[in-house]
Amino acid sequence: MRVVSNTSPLSNLAIIGQLGLVREQLGNLLIPPAVHAELLRNPHPKACSALQGALQEGWIRVMPLAGVVPAIFTLILA
């Protein structure tokens, strides 16, 4: 299952030092390039470091989302 996130949950969890919860619960995560750009502007140094670490480790990956059909829409349309 593909999991896609926006900025707020990742940023806020990184700020409070709990970004690892995302990995524990969801495994790998995709973010669009715009979310990546927003995360790089996070004003909290520890949060930036945690987010950069997740990107370097590869469990958060940047990917254009063109053509990805959200599962919720698939369920609604089924």
Protein backbone atom coordinates (compact mmCIF):
# COMPACT_ATOMS: atom_id res chain seq x y z
CA MET A 1 0.00 0.00 0.00
CA ARG A 2 1.27 3.44 -0.88
CA VAL A 3 1.04 6.08 1.80
CA VAL A 4 1.23 9.76 0.87
CA SER A 5 1.52 12.60 3.37
CA ASN A 6 1.21 16.33 3.39
CA THR A 7 3.50 18.64 5.36
CA SER A 8 1.72 19.18 8.68
CA PRO A 9 1.84 15.70 10.24
CA LEU A 10 5.46 15.13 9.29
CA SER A 11 6.58 18.56 10.39
CA ASN A 12 4.72 18.46 13.69
CA LEU A 13 5.91 14.97 14.59
CA ALA A 14 9.48 15.95 13.74
CA ILE A 15 9.21 19.05 15.94
CA ILE A 16 8.20 16.97 18.97
CA GLY A 17 10.79 14.29 18.24
CA GLN A 18 8.29 11.61 17.23
CA LEU A 19 8.83 11.27 13.48
CA GLY A 20 9.76 7.63 14.05
CA LEU A 21 6.10 6.88 14.82
CA VAL A 22 5.32 7.35 11.14
CA ARG A 23 7.88 4.74 10.16
CA GLU A 24 6.73 2.34 12.88
CA GLN A 25 3.08 2.59 11.87
CA LEU A 26 3.26 3.06 8.11
CA GLY A 27 6.69 1.96 6.90
CA ASN A 28 7.66 3.82 3.74
CA LEU A 29 6.06 7.10 2.82
CA LEU A 30 5.77 9.17 -0.35
CA ILE A 31 5.69 12.94 -0.43
CA PRO A 32 5.16 15.20 -3.43
CA PRO A 33 7.94 17.65 -4.38
CA ALA A 34 5.93 20.58 -2.97
CA VAL A 35 5.76 18.90 0.45
CA HIS A 36 9.50 18.26 0.30
CA ALA A 37 10.13 21.95 -0.38
CA GLU A 38 7.92 22.94 2.56
CA LEU A 39 9.67 20.49 4.90
CA LEU A 40 13.07 21.94 3.98
CA ARG A 41 11.86 25.33 5.21
CA ASN A 42 10.98 24.04 8.68
CA PRO A 43 12.37 26.58 11.16
CA HIS A 44 13.19 23.98 13.84
CA PRO A 45 16.76 22.66 13.42
CA LYS A 46 16.08 19.30 15.14
CA ALA A 47 12.98 18.77 13.01
CA CYS A 48 14.94 19.55 9.83
CA SER A 49 17.63 17.11 10.87
CA ALA A 50 15.10 14.34 11.55
CA LEU A 51 13.34 14.94 8.24
CA GLN A 52 16.62 14.99 6.30
CA GLY A 53 17.62 11.77 8.03
CA ALA A 54 14.37 10.07 7.00
CA LEU A 55 14.91 11.19 3.41
CA GLN A 56 18.51 9.96 3.41
CA GLU A 57 17.48 6.62 4.92
CA GLY A 58 14.91 6.31 2.14
CA TRP A 59 11.78 5.60 4.15
CA ILE A 60 10.43 8.98 3.09
CA ARG A 61 10.72 9.39 -0.67
CA VAL A 62 9.92 12.32 -2.91
CA MET A 63 7.78 11.34 -5.88
CA PRO A 64 5.53 13.25 -8.24
CA LEU A 65 2.03 11.98 -7.66
CA ALA A 66 0.75 12.23 -11.23
CA GLY A 67 -1.33 9.20 -11.98
CA VAL A 68 -1.59 7.97 -8.38
CA VAL A 69 -5.22 7.31 -7.51
CA PRO A 70 -5.85 7.77 -3.78
CA ALA A 71 -7.26 4.65 -2.16
CA ILE A 72 -10.13 6.58 -0.62
CA PHE A 73 -11.33 7.59 -4.07
CA THR A 74 -10.95 4.01 -5.26
CA LEU A 75 -13.14 2.84 -2.37
CA ILE A 76 -15.76 5.51 -3.01
CA LEU A 77 -15.94 4.76 -6.71
CA ALA A 78 -16.05 0.97 -6.27
